[in-house]
Each structure stands twice: as structure tokens, then as C-alpha cells.
Protein backbone atom coordinates (compact mmCIF):
# COMPACT_ATOMS: atom_id res chain seq x y z
CA GLY A 1 30.29 29.68 -5.59
CA GLU A 2 28.31 28.13 -8.41
CA GLN A 3 27.90 24.75 -9.58
CA ALA A 4 26.63 22.72 -12.45
CA LEU A 5 24.34 19.83 -11.76
CA ASN A 6 22.97 17.72 -14.34
CA ALA A 7 20.15 16.33 -12.21
CA GLU A 8 16.76 14.42 -12.74
CA PHE A 9 14.20 16.31 -11.64
CA LEU A 10 10.80 15.09 -10.33
CA PHE A 11 7.46 17.33 -9.82
CA ASP A 12 5.67 16.45 -6.79
CA SER A 13 2.38 17.85 -6.03
CA GLY A 14 2.15 16.20 -3.13
CA ALA A 15 5.69 17.59 -2.18
CA LYS A 16 5.30 20.99 0.06
CA THR A 17 9.07 21.53 0.12
CA ASN A 18 12.17 21.91 -2.61
CA ILE A 19 14.37 19.35 -2.00
CA MET A 20 17.70 18.18 -3.87
CA SER A 21 20.08 15.10 -3.06
CA LEU A 22 22.87 16.19 -1.10
CA SER A 23 25.64 14.08 -2.02
CA SER A 24 25.52 15.95 -5.50
CA LEU A 25 26.66 18.74 -4.27
CA GLU A 26 30.65 19.59 -3.75
CA LEU A 27 30.12 22.84 -1.58
CA PRO A 28 30.44 23.00 1.82
CA ILE A 29 27.21 22.51 3.66
CA GLU A 30 26.63 23.69 7.29
CA GLU A 31 24.98 21.39 9.60
CA PRO A 32 20.96 21.01 8.68
CA THR A 33 18.82 23.58 9.72
CA GLY A 34 15.74 21.90 9.57
CA CYS A 35 12.89 19.10 9.25
CA ILE A 36 10.18 18.14 6.77
CA HIS A 37 7.81 15.72 7.22
CA GLY A 38 6.95 13.20 4.14
CA VAL A 39 6.21 9.57 3.28
CA GLY A 40 9.58 8.30 4.54
CA GLY A 41 9.06 10.45 8.04
CA PRO A 42 10.71 13.23 9.72
CA GLN A 43 14.06 14.13 6.97
CA LEU A 44 16.77 16.81 8.26
CA VAL A 45 17.36 19.78 5.73
CA HIS A 46 19.55 22.26 5.12
CA LYS A 47 19.27 26.29 4.49
CA PRO A 48 18.20 26.49 1.12
CA ILE A 49 20.17 26.97 -1.95
CA SER A 50 18.96 29.44 -4.46
CA CYS A 51 18.77 27.64 -7.63
CA GLU A 52 18.90 28.00 -11.16
CA PHE A 53 17.54 25.87 -13.65
CA THR A 54 16.62 24.60 -17.14
CA LEU A 55 14.53 21.84 -17.92
CA GLU A 56 15.83 19.75 -21.46
CA SER A 57 12.44 20.06 -22.83
CA ASP A 58 13.19 23.88 -22.72
CA THR A 59 16.39 25.44 -22.55
CA SER A 60 15.00 28.93 -23.52
CA THR A 61 13.33 29.05 -19.81
CA THR A 62 15.29 29.44 -17.08
CA TYR A 63 13.49 28.85 -13.56
CA GLN A 64 14.62 30.55 -10.39
CA HIS A 65 13.73 28.87 -6.88
CA PRO A 66 15.12 28.22 -3.56
CA ILE A 67 16.00 24.32 -3.07
CA LYS A 68 16.87 22.30 0.63
CA PRO A 69 19.41 20.05 0.03
CA THR A 70 18.90 17.21 2.17
CA SER A 71 19.89 12.94 2.40
CA ILE A 72 18.03 11.13 -0.50
CA PRO A 73 19.65 7.52 -0.23
CA GLY A 74 19.92 5.99 -3.18
CA GLU A 75 20.07 9.05 -5.41
CA GLN A 76 22.54 10.86 -5.97
CA ASN A 77 21.53 13.91 -8.66
CA LEU A 78 17.63 14.13 -7.80
CA VAL A 79 15.78 17.28 -7.25
CA ILE A 80 12.27 17.04 -6.31
CA LEU A 81 9.97 20.72 -6.81
CA GLY A 82 7.51 20.30 -4.60
CA VAL A 83 3.88 22.65 -4.34
CA ASP A 84 6.25 25.87 -3.04
CA PHE A 85 7.20 25.65 -6.96
CA LEU A 86 4.71 24.30 -8.51
CA SER A 87 2.35 27.24 -6.79
CA LYS A 88 4.30 29.70 -8.76
CA PHE A 89 2.16 29.28 -11.78
CA ASP A 90 -1.28 30.02 -12.42
CA SER A 91 -2.31 26.88 -13.50
CA THR A 92 -0.08 23.03 -13.36
CA LEU A 93 -1.58 20.28 -15.23
CA PHE A 94 -0.15 16.79 -15.46
CA ASP A 95 -0.97 14.96 -18.99
CA TRP A 96 -0.13 11.59 -17.99
CA SER A 97 -1.07 9.95 -20.96
CA ASN A 98 1.21 12.21 -23.13
CA HIS A 99 4.20 12.06 -20.98
CA LYS A 100 3.53 15.99 -20.26
CA LEU A 101 3.22 19.10 -17.85
CA LYS A 102 1.88 22.25 -18.06
CA LEU A 103 3.74 24.88 -15.81
CA GLY A 104 1.41 28.14 -16.36
CA ASP A 105 1.16 28.77 -20.29
CA GLN A 106 4.55 26.37 -20.97
CA TRP A 107 4.39 22.73 -21.87
CA ILE A 108 6.99 20.77 -20.39
CA PHE A 109 7.66 17.13 -21.52
CA VAL A 110 8.11 14.64 -19.03
CA THR A 111 10.09 11.28 -19.71
CA GLU A 112 10.18 7.89 -17.47
CA VAL A 113 12.99 5.78 -16.95
CA ASN A 114 10.56 3.13 -15.92
CA PRO A 115 6.64 3.82 -16.69
CA PRO A 116 4.44 2.61 -14.02
CA ASN A 117 2.46 -0.21 -14.34
CA THR A 118 -1.08 1.45 -15.05
CA SER A 119 -3.04 -1.69 -15.18
CA PHE A 120 -2.56 -2.86 -11.02
CA ASP A 121 -5.09 -3.42 -9.44
CA ILE A 122 -5.29 -2.83 -5.67
CA GLY A 123 -8.56 -3.98 -3.61
CA ASN A 124 -10.18 -6.95 -2.44
CA HIS A 125 -9.55 -8.36 -6.33
CA LEU A 126 -6.03 -9.06 -6.01
CA SER A 127 -4.44 -12.44 -6.60
CA ASP A 128 -1.40 -14.01 -4.38
CA THR A 129 0.77 -13.39 -7.04
CA GLN A 130 -0.16 -9.65 -6.95
CA LYS A 131 -0.57 -9.51 -3.42
CA SER A 132 3.17 -11.05 -2.92
CA GLU A 133 4.38 -8.44 -5.72
CA LEU A 134 2.56 -5.35 -3.30
CA VAL A 135 4.27 -6.46 -0.12
CA GLU A 136 7.40 -6.99 -1.76
CA LEU A 137 7.31 -3.55 -3.45
CA VAL A 138 6.19 -1.77 0.48
CA GLU A 139 9.11 -3.82 2.37
CA ASP A 140 11.57 -2.81 -0.69
CA PHE A 141 10.41 0.60 -0.42
CA ALA A 142 10.17 1.06 3.31
CA LYS A 143 13.89 -0.32 3.46
CA ASN A 144 15.35 2.11 0.89
CA VAL A 145 12.96 5.35 2.06
CA PHE A 146 12.09 5.76 5.67
CA VAL A 147 15.07 7.06 7.66
CA THR A 148 15.46 8.62 10.64
CA ALA A 149 15.85 12.08 11.68
CA THR A 150 19.46 10.96 12.09
CA GLY A 151 19.91 9.73 8.58
CA ASN A 152 19.85 6.13 9.80
CA LYS A 153 17.95 3.72 8.23
CA LYS A 154 15.39 2.13 10.33
């Protein structure tokens, strides 16, 4: 059956596989069929679902690509498009300063809910406050992202 989903898309040139939040699906899902490895360690994934989608900044273009459902803690309607999607295009260009992404000849406008702090200095010159903030960010990230192969938080 078909299911319409209003999702947030994350283009990740460091991710090999396309994944989507398992919790966003109302379809019956079989047992996991494999495992992917990323920043959060090993993650169980399900059989790819053939997806057809449009992006808000260009509703005239429909993209088709298989996406693997998986558990993404804290995310209900997230789709991460990785290298296997981005490689479909002759070139991919991330224009961060103008919030655009170019897929082949097509420009897509990207919005950010929380723009990154681009002035944060990571190196030997961090103040004590910056070091504390960085440690807190990493610890928070680890609590919310790192999961074991069984889906339990470490």
C-alpha cells in the first residue's frame, strides 16, 4: 500500500545508505534484514522501501529511490539521503552560505531549523566555557544517538 508522509530531509554526503524513521511508517514492517554502520555504531535496518518524493522547493520534480526504514531515536519523520541517492546525479554541490543544494543541474533550497554556530573554534584555543559546552554537546549526542544493535540506548 501507499502512504503519504510529510518528512524532513537531511542530505548527508557522509552517509552511504538512505534511511528513514521507522516510527513514521504506518505500514507493517518485517524483521530487520541487515545492519548499517555509522556515527552511532551498528544500526538495524529493514528491507528497502521504494519511495517516490518531491521536495518543497521544487514540487515539479519527483524523485524515486529505495530507502531503508530504521529506528532513529527522537525522530519521527526524518529521511536521510546519503551517497547512494546523491551519486545518481552528475554532480552534487552544497552551497552552505546561500542555503542551497545542487543536484545535477537542479538547485534545491535548503532551510535549517537551527542554523549551526559557524564561529565555534575547535582546537587548542578553546576557553573553559567552550570546552564545557563541547563536552556537554558530545555527551548529549551520545545519550540520544548511540544505540546498540538491539535498539537499546547504551
